[in-house]
């Protein structure tokens, strides 16, 4: 299956070879074929460089084009939602929604740590808006999930949010019990460190745009 990046590279490096090219400058002809795409296009090699007629290339790729003066714009076909490679990738709307959720969780975790270590009063009241915001962002991520990869990562986002809720509830309960917590204890809490490690794994998935299980989230 041809990749979108290959489409872009082909469209960027090819142009129409004028028919009036001097015969002595023209080299031997050959053909261009693209993996996963039926058919082939004739090419001409000139001074070691391979050229292909853009009309032929557009037809080969099932694309379309628009010409305005000396500018030619090639529009690549949209790949269907049922394309196996599409289903294996994280969709951009889902990535954006996931990043927003993780940003909220990062701020929530930081607030719990600093407030608990600093004995800031009214921890439950301060934590409430963070929890509601995380629920809202998680709902948006769920709505944005469109591919198999999205839905697999959504399960990890749910797990990360659950871990954060447990972390929140633990220190809210300690505050209600008037039990003091040493700053280094909350900063090095295994649950808090797990949340951080899970977040790092999820960030890596956003960068690769592919699903891979993150053990720290379980």
C-alpha atoms as a PDB file:
ATOM      1  CA  UNK A   1       0.000   0.000   0.000  1.00  0.00           C
ATOM      2  CA  UNK A   2       1.497   3.340  -1.045  1.00  0.00           C
ATOM      3  CA  UNK A   3       2.057   5.758   1.827  1.00  0.00           C
ATOM      4  CA  UNK A   4       0.833   9.355   1.941  1.00  0.00           C
ATOM      5  CA  UNK A   5       4.415  10.563   2.408  1.00  0.00           C
ATOM      6  CA  UNK A   6       5.467   8.817  -0.808  1.00  0.00           C
ATOM      7  CA  UNK A   7       2.627  10.496  -2.636  1.00  0.00           C
ATOM      8  CA  UNK A   8       3.881  13.887  -1.439  1.00  0.00           C
ATOM      9  CA  UNK A   9       7.464  13.172  -2.388  1.00  0.00           C
ATOM     10  CA  UNK A  10       6.475  12.047  -5.880  1.00  0.00           C
ATOM     11  CA  UNK A  11       4.268  15.078  -6.387  1.00  0.00           C
ATOM     12  CA  UNK A  12       6.995  17.399  -5.160  1.00  0.00           C
ATOM     13  CA  UNK A  13       9.855  16.097  -7.306  1.00  0.00           C
ATOM     14  CA  UNK A  14       8.141  15.504 -10.666  1.00  0.00           C
ATOM     15  CA  UNK A  15       7.096  17.946 -13.367  1.00  0.00           C
ATOM     16  CA  UNK A  16       6.130  18.012 -17.051  1.00  0.00           C
ATOM     17  CA  UNK A  17       9.028  17.318 -19.407  1.00  0.00           C
ATOM     18  CA  UNK A  18       8.719  19.686 -22.411  1.00  0.00           C
ATOM     19  CA  UNK A  19       8.274  17.892 -25.715  1.00  0.00           C
ATOM     20  CA  UNK A  20      10.665  20.333 -27.349  1.00  0.00           C
ATOM     21  CA  UNK A  21      13.640  19.021 -25.335  1.00  0.00           C
ATOM     22  CA  UNK A  22      16.602  18.794 -27.725  1.00  0.00           C
ATOM     23  CA  UNK A  23      17.062  15.240 -28.941  1.00  0.00           C
ATOM     24  CA  UNK A  24      20.740  15.193 -28.054  1.00  0.00           C
ATOM     25  CA  UNK A  25      19.898  15.973 -24.372  1.00  0.00           C
ATOM     26  CA  UNK A  26      17.341  13.191 -23.967  1.00  0.00           C
ATOM     27  CA  UNK A  27      18.495   9.913 -22.491  1.00  0.00           C
ATOM     28  CA  UNK A  28      16.999   6.468 -22.499  1.00  0.00           C
ATOM     29  CA  UNK A  29      13.381   5.915 -21.499  1.00  0.00           C
ATOM     30  CA  UNK A  30      12.173   3.760 -18.626  1.00  0.00           C
ATOM     31  CA  UNK A  31       9.022   3.230 -16.561  1.00  0.00           C
ATOM     32  CA  UNK A  32       7.883   4.237 -13.088  1.00  0.00           C
ATOM     33  CA  UNK A  33       5.749   1.960 -10.949  1.00  0.00           C
ATOM     34  CA  UNK A  34       4.488   2.593  -7.413  1.00  0.00           C
ATOM     35  CA  UNK A  35       4.155  -0.248  -4.927  1.00  0.00           C
ATOM     36  CA  UNK A  36       0.501  -1.001  -4.268  1.00  0.00           C
ATOM     37  CA  UNK A  37      -0.738   0.987  -7.279  1.00  0.00           C
ATOM     38  CA  UNK A  38      -1.612  -0.772 -10.553  1.00  0.00           C
ATOM     39  CA  UNK A  39      -0.125   0.485 -13.792  1.00  0.00           C
ATOM     40  CA  UNK A  40       3.051   2.347 -14.665  1.00  0.00           C
ATOM     41  CA  UNK A  41       4.194   5.638 -16.139  1.00  0.00           C
ATOM     42  CA  UNK A  42       6.773   6.228 -18.855  1.00  0.00           C
ATOM     43  CA  UNK A  43       9.828   8.252 -17.835  1.00  0.00           C
ATOM     44  CA  UNK A  44      12.769   9.906 -19.559  1.00  0.00           C
ATOM     45  CA  UNK A  45      16.270  10.028 -18.093  1.00  0.00           C
ATOM     46  CA  UNK A  46      18.194  13.225 -18.765  1.00  0.00           C
ATOM     47  CA  UNK A  47      21.694  13.804 -17.402  1.00  0.00           C
ATOM     48  CA  UNK A  48      21.173  11.155 -14.763  1.00  0.00           C
ATOM     49  CA  UNK A  49      17.793  12.496 -13.587  1.00  0.00           C
ATOM     50  CA  UNK A  50      14.477  10.744 -14.160  1.00  0.00           C
ATOM     51  CA  UNK A  51      11.482  12.803 -15.328  1.00  0.00           C
ATOM     52  CA  UNK A  52       7.835  11.827 -15.665  1.00  0.00           C
ATOM     53  CA  UNK A  53       4.875  13.579 -17.282  1.00  0.00           C
ATOM     54  CA  UNK A  54       2.791  14.999 -14.437  1.00  0.00           C
ATOM     55  CA  UNK A  55      -0.482  14.169 -16.229  1.00  0.00           C
ATOM     56  CA  UNK A  56       0.545  10.535 -16.393  1.00  0.00           C
ATOM     57  CA  UNK A  57       1.646  10.558 -12.746  1.00  0.00           C
ATOM     58  CA  UNK A  58      -1.648  12.085 -11.617  1.00  0.00           C
ATOM     59  CA  UNK A  59      -3.562   9.414 -13.500  1.00  0.00           C
ATOM     60  CA  UNK A  60      -1.366   6.661 -12.049  1.00  0.00           C
ATOM     61  CA  UNK A  61      -1.921   7.822  -8.460  1.00  0.00           C
ATOM     62  CA  UNK A  62      -5.637   8.398  -8.943  1.00  0.00           C
ATOM     63  CA  UNK A  63      -5.093  12.035  -7.982  1.00  0.00           C
ATOM     64  CA  UNK A  64      -6.312  15.312  -9.500  1.00  0.00           C
ATOM     65  CA  UNK A  65      -4.574  18.516 -10.473  1.00  0.00           C
ATOM     66  CA  UNK A  66      -5.159  22.223 -10.907  1.00  0.00           C
ATOM     67  CA  UNK A  67      -3.094  24.535 -13.096  1.00  0.00           C
ATOM     68  CA  UNK A  68      -2.862  28.270 -12.532  1.00  0.00           C
ATOM     69  CA  UNK A  69      -0.306  30.016 -14.709  1.00  0.00           C
ATOM     70  CA  UNK A  70       3.057  28.332 -14.176  1.00  0.00           C
ATOM     71  CA  UNK A  71       1.905  26.602 -10.986  1.00  0.00           C
ATOM     72  CA  UNK A  72       0.613  23.022 -10.901  1.00  0.00           C
ATOM     73  CA  UNK A  73      -1.084  21.740  -7.740  1.00  0.00           C
ATOM     74  CA  UNK A  74      -1.606  18.005  -7.299  1.00  0.00           C
ATOM     75  CA  UNK A  75      -4.405  16.871  -4.989  1.00  0.00           C
ATOM     76  CA  UNK A  76      -3.890  13.388  -3.593  1.00  0.00           C
ATOM     77  CA  UNK A  77      -6.885  11.172  -3.078  1.00  0.00           C
ATOM     78  CA  UNK A  78      -8.166  10.720   0.459  1.00  0.00           C
ATOM     79  CA  UNK A  79      -7.611   7.220   1.782  1.00  0.00           C
ATOM     80  CA  UNK A  80     -10.709   5.500   3.048  1.00  0.00           C
ATOM     81  CA  UNK A  81     -11.451   5.069   6.732  1.00  0.00           C
ATOM     82  CA  UNK A  82     -11.379   1.314   6.207  1.00  0.00           C
ATOM     83  CA  UNK A  83      -7.802   1.430   4.918  1.00  0.00           C
ATOM     84  CA  UNK A  84      -5.808  -0.972   7.157  1.00  0.00           C
ATOM     85  CA  UNK A  85      -2.932   1.485   7.443  1.00  0.00           C
ATOM     86  CA  UNK A  86      -5.315   4.269   8.459  1.00  0.00           C
ATOM     87  CA  UNK A  87      -6.803   2.044  11.155  1.00  0.00           C
ATOM     88  CA  UNK A  88      -3.323   1.362  12.531  1.00  0.00           C
ATOM     89  CA  UNK A  89      -2.591   5.072  12.959  1.00  0.00           C
ATOM     90  CA  UNK A  90      -3.718   7.556  15.576  1.00  0.00           C
ATOM     91  CA  UNK A  91      -5.956  10.198  14.052  1.00  0.00           C
ATOM     92  CA  UNK A  92      -4.962  13.848  14.462  1.00  0.00           C
ATOM     93  CA  UNK A  93      -8.186  14.937  16.269  1.00  0.00           C
ATOM     94  CA  UNK A  94      -7.703  12.116  18.765  1.00  0.00           C
ATOM     95  CA  UNK A  95      -4.046  13.030  19.340  1.00  0.00           C
ATOM     96  CA  UNK A  96      -5.032  16.638  20.039  1.00  0.00           C
ATOM     97  CA  UNK A  97      -7.776  15.549  22.463  1.00  0.00           C
ATOM     98  CA  UNK A  98      -5.368  13.151  24.197  1.00  0.00           C
ATOM     99  CA  UNK A  99      -2.721  15.839  24.596  1.00  0.00           C
ATOM    100  CA  UNK A 100      -5.272  18.175  26.193  1.00  0.00           C
ATOM    101  CA  UNK A 101      -6.312  15.451  28.648  1.00  0.00           C
ATOM    102  CA  UNK A 102      -2.715  14.666  29.579  1.00  0.00           C
ATOM    103  CA  UNK A 103      -2.021  18.351  30.107  1.00  0.00           C
ATOM    104  CA  UNK A 104      -4.908  18.484  32.578  1.00  0.00           C
ATOM    105  CA  UNK A 105      -3.680  15.358  34.392  1.00  0.00           C
ATOM    106  CA  UNK A 106      -0.157  16.804  34.594  1.00  0.00           C
ATOM    107  CA  UNK A 107      -1.489  20.017  36.177  1.00  0.00           C
ATOM    108  CA  UNK A 108      -3.779  18.020  38.507  1.00  0.00           C
ATOM    109  CA  UNK A 109      -0.920  15.834  39.725  1.00  0.00           C
ATOM    110  CA  UNK A 110       1.339  18.844  40.251  1.00  0.00           C
ATOM    111  CA  UNK A 111      -1.366  20.615  42.267  1.00  0.00           C
ATOM    112  CA  UNK A 112      -1.867  17.579  44.537  1.00  0.00           C
ATOM    113  CA  UNK A 113       1.869  17.293  45.164  1.00  0.00           C
ATOM    114  CA  UNK A 114       2.517  20.960  45.872  1.00  0.00           C
ATOM    115  CA  UNK A 115      -0.654  21.476  47.907  1.00  0.00           C
ATOM    116  CA  UNK A 116      -0.100  18.381  50.047  1.00  0.00           C
ATOM    117  CA  UNK A 117       3.587  19.026  50.621  1.00  0.00           C
ATOM    118  CA  UNK A 118       2.840  22.661  51.455  1.00  0.00           C
ATOM    119  CA  UNK A 119      -0.204  21.880  53.626  1.00  0.00           C
ATOM    120  CA  UNK A 120      -2.389  24.138  51.493  1.00  0.00           C
ATOM    121  CA  UNK A 121      -5.954  24.097  52.938  1.00  0.00           C
ATOM    122  CA  UNK A 122      -9.140  22.990  51.189  1.00  0.00           C
ATOM    123  CA  UNK A 123      -7.469  20.364  49.023  1.00  0.00           C
ATOM    124  CA  UNK A 124     -10.752  18.674  48.060  1.00  0.00           C
ATOM    125  CA  UNK A 125     -12.231  21.959  46.858  1.00  0.00           C
ATOM    126  CA  UNK A 126      -9.082  22.795  44.900  1.00  0.00           C
ATOM    127  CA  UNK A 127      -8.962  19.346  43.291  1.00  0.00           C
ATOM    128  CA  UNK A 128     -12.611  19.296  42.198  1.00  0.00           C
ATOM    129  CA  UNK A 129     -12.265  21.460  39.059  1.00  0.00           C
ATOM    130  CA  UNK A 130      -9.274  19.420  37.896  1.00  0.00           C
ATOM    131  CA  UNK A 131     -11.239  16.199  38.131  1.00  0.00           C
ATOM    132  CA  UNK A 132     -14.210  17.635  36.270  1.00  0.00           C
ATOM    133  CA  UNK A 133     -11.940  19.064  33.591  1.00  0.00           C
ATOM    134  CA  UNK A 134     -10.232  15.694  33.148  1.00  0.00           C
ATOM    135  CA  UNK A 135     -13.621  13.976  32.793  1.00  0.00           C
ATOM    136  CA  UNK A 136     -14.609  16.508  30.123  1.00  0.00           C
ATOM    137  CA  UNK A 137     -11.349  16.072  28.190  1.00  0.00           C
ATOM    138  CA  UNK A 138     -11.625  12.278  28.422  1.00  0.00           C
ATOM    139  CA  UNK A 139     -15.126  12.490  26.958  1.00  0.00           C
ATOM    140  CA  UNK A 140     -13.798  14.581  24.064  1.00  0.00           C
ATOM    141  CA  UNK A 141     -11.051  12.019  23.439  1.00  0.00           C
ATOM    142  CA  UNK A 142     -13.646   9.241  23.426  1.00  0.00           C
ATOM    143  CA  UNK A 143     -15.716  11.130  20.850  1.00  0.00           C
ATOM    144  CA  UNK A 144     -12.641  11.780  18.698  1.00  0.00           C
ATOM    145  CA  UNK A 145     -11.539   8.113  18.637  1.00  0.00           C
ATOM    146  CA  UNK A 146     -12.040   7.025  15.027  1.00  0.00           C
ATOM    147  CA  UNK A 147      -9.470   4.296  14.327  1.00  0.00           C
ATOM    148  CA  UNK A 148      -8.530   1.002  15.933  1.00  0.00           C
ATOM    149  CA  UNK A 149      -5.339   2.613  17.220  1.00  0.00           C
ATOM    150  CA  UNK A 150      -7.340   5.497  18.729  1.00  0.00           C
ATOM    151  CA  UNK A 151      -9.606   3.107  20.601  1.00  0.00           C
ATOM    152  CA  UNK A 152      -6.642   1.127  21.948  1.00  0.00           C
ATOM    153  CA  UNK A 153      -4.973   4.278  23.260  1.00  0.00           C
ATOM    154  CA  UNK A 154      -8.298   5.497  24.649  1.00  0.00           C
ATOM    155  CA  UNK A 155      -8.248   2.473  26.970  1.00  0.00           C
ATOM    156  CA  UNK A 156      -4.830   3.632  28.233  1.00  0.00           C
ATOM    157  CA  UNK A 157      -6.126   7.180  28.708  1.00  0.00           C
ATOM    158  CA  UNK A 158      -8.971   5.799  30.820  1.00  0.00           C
ATOM    159  CA  UNK A 159      -6.470   3.860  32.925  1.00  0.00           C
ATOM    160  CA  UNK A 160      -4.264   6.928  33.372  1.00  0.00           C
ATOM    161  CA  UNK A 161      -7.256   9.001  34.463  1.00  0.00           C
ATOM    162  CA  UNK A 162      -8.277   6.292  36.944  1.00  0.00           C
ATOM    163  CA  UNK A 163      -4.751   6.266  38.392  1.00  0.00           C
ATOM    164  CA  UNK A 164      -4.928  10.024  38.815  1.00  0.00           C
ATOM    165  CA  UNK A 165      -8.283   9.778  40.592  1.00  0.00           C
ATOM    166  CA  UNK A 166      -6.817   7.237  43.040  1.00  0.00           C
ATOM    167  CA  UNK A 167      -3.849   9.526  43.649  1.00  0.00           C
ATOM    168  CA  UNK A 168      -6.207  12.441  44.243  1.00  0.00           C
ATOM    169  CA  UNK A 169      -8.513  10.488  46.568  1.00  0.00           C
ATOM    170  CA  UNK A 170      -5.588   9.185  48.608  1.00  0.00           C
ATOM    171  CA  UNK A 171      -4.313  12.635  49.549  1.00  0.00           C
ATOM    172  CA  UNK A 172      -7.743  14.190  49.948  1.00  0.00           C
ATOM    173  CA  UNK A 173      -8.487  11.417  52.482  1.00  0.00           C
ATOM    174  CA  UNK A 174      -5.196  12.031  54.301  1.00  0.00           C
ATOM    175  CA  UNK A 175      -5.984  15.726  54.525  1.00  0.00           C
ATOM    176  CA  UNK A 176      -9.441  14.994  55.927  1.00  0.00           C
ATOM    177  CA  UNK A 177      -7.840  12.760  58.536  1.00  0.00           C
ATOM    178  CA  UNK A 178      -5.470  15.601  59.435  1.00  0.00           C
ATOM    179  CA  UNK A 179      -2.522  13.311  58.795  1.00  0.00           C
ATOM    180  CA  UNK A 180       0.670  15.108  57.856  1.00  0.00           C
ATOM    181  CA  UNK A 181       2.600  14.057  54.762  1.00  0.00           C
ATOM    182  CA  UNK A 182       6.297  14.689  54.262  1.00  0.00           C
ATOM    183  CA  UNK A 183       7.089  16.525  50.982  1.00  0.00           C
ATOM    184  CA  UNK A 184       9.426  13.765  49.803  1.00  0.00           C
ATOM    185  CA  UNK A 185       6.756  11.148  50.548  1.00  0.00           C
ATOM    186  CA  UNK A 186       4.189  12.660  48.183  1.00  0.00           C
ATOM    187  CA  UNK A 187       6.797  13.451  45.520  1.00  0.00           C
ATOM    188  CA  UNK A 188       8.074   9.863  45.547  1.00  0.00           C
ATOM    189  CA  UNK A 189       4.712   8.160  45.953  1.00  0.00           C
ATOM    190  CA  UNK A 190       4.790   5.023  43.707  1.00  0.00           C
ATOM    191  CA  UNK A 191       1.297   5.816  42.402  1.00  0.00           C
ATOM    192  CA  UNK A 192       2.333   9.324  41.422  1.00  0.00           C
ATOM    193  CA  UNK A 193       5.465   8.005  39.735  1.00  0.00           C
ATOM    194  CA  UNK A 194       3.374   5.447  37.843  1.00  0.00           C
ATOM    195  CA  UNK A 195       1.152   8.251  36.577  1.00  0.00           C
ATOM    196  CA  UNK A 196       4.231  10.094  35.371  1.00  0.00           C
ATOM    197  CA  UNK A 197       5.669   7.015  33.647  1.00  0.00           C
ATOM    198  CA  UNK A 198       2.352   6.262  31.956  1.00  0.00           C
ATOM    199  CA  UNK A 199       2.205   9.861  30.719  1.00  0.00           C
ATOM    200  CA  UNK A 200       5.661   9.525  29.194  1.00  0.00           C
ATOM    201  CA  UNK A 201       4.625   6.375  27.369  1.00  0.00           C
ATOM    202  CA  UNK A 202       1.493   8.042  26.027  1.00  0.00           C
ATOM    203  CA  UNK A 203       3.527  11.016  24.839  1.00  0.00           C
ATOM    204  CA  UNK A 204       5.734   8.618  22.867  1.00  0.00           C
ATOM    205  CA  UNK A 205       2.638   7.139  21.198  1.00  0.00           C
ATOM    206  CA  UNK A 206       1.504  10.601  20.141  1.00  0.00           C
ATOM    207  CA  UNK A 207       4.910  11.129  18.558  1.00  0.00           C
ATOM    208  CA  UNK A 208       4.908   7.826  16.657  1.00  0.00           C
ATOM    209  CA  UNK A 209       1.164   8.030  15.851  1.00  0.00           C
ATOM    210  CA  UNK A 210       0.983   4.266  16.390  1.00  0.00           C
ATOM    211  CA  UNK A 211      -0.399   2.159  19.204  1.00  0.00           C
ATOM    212  CA  UNK A 212       1.880   0.225  21.472  1.00  0.00           C
ATOM    213  CA  UNK A 213       0.894  -0.956  24.912  1.00  0.00           C
ATOM    214  CA  UNK A 214       2.304   1.067  27.812  1.00  0.00           C
ATOM    215  CA  UNK A 215       2.789  -1.259  30.779  1.00  0.00           C
ATOM    216  CA  UNK A 216       3.069   1.621  33.249  1.00  0.00           C
ATOM    217  CA  UNK A 217      -0.572   2.510  32.596  1.00  0.00           C
ATOM    218  CA  UNK A 218      -1.844  -0.858  33.898  1.00  0.00           C
END
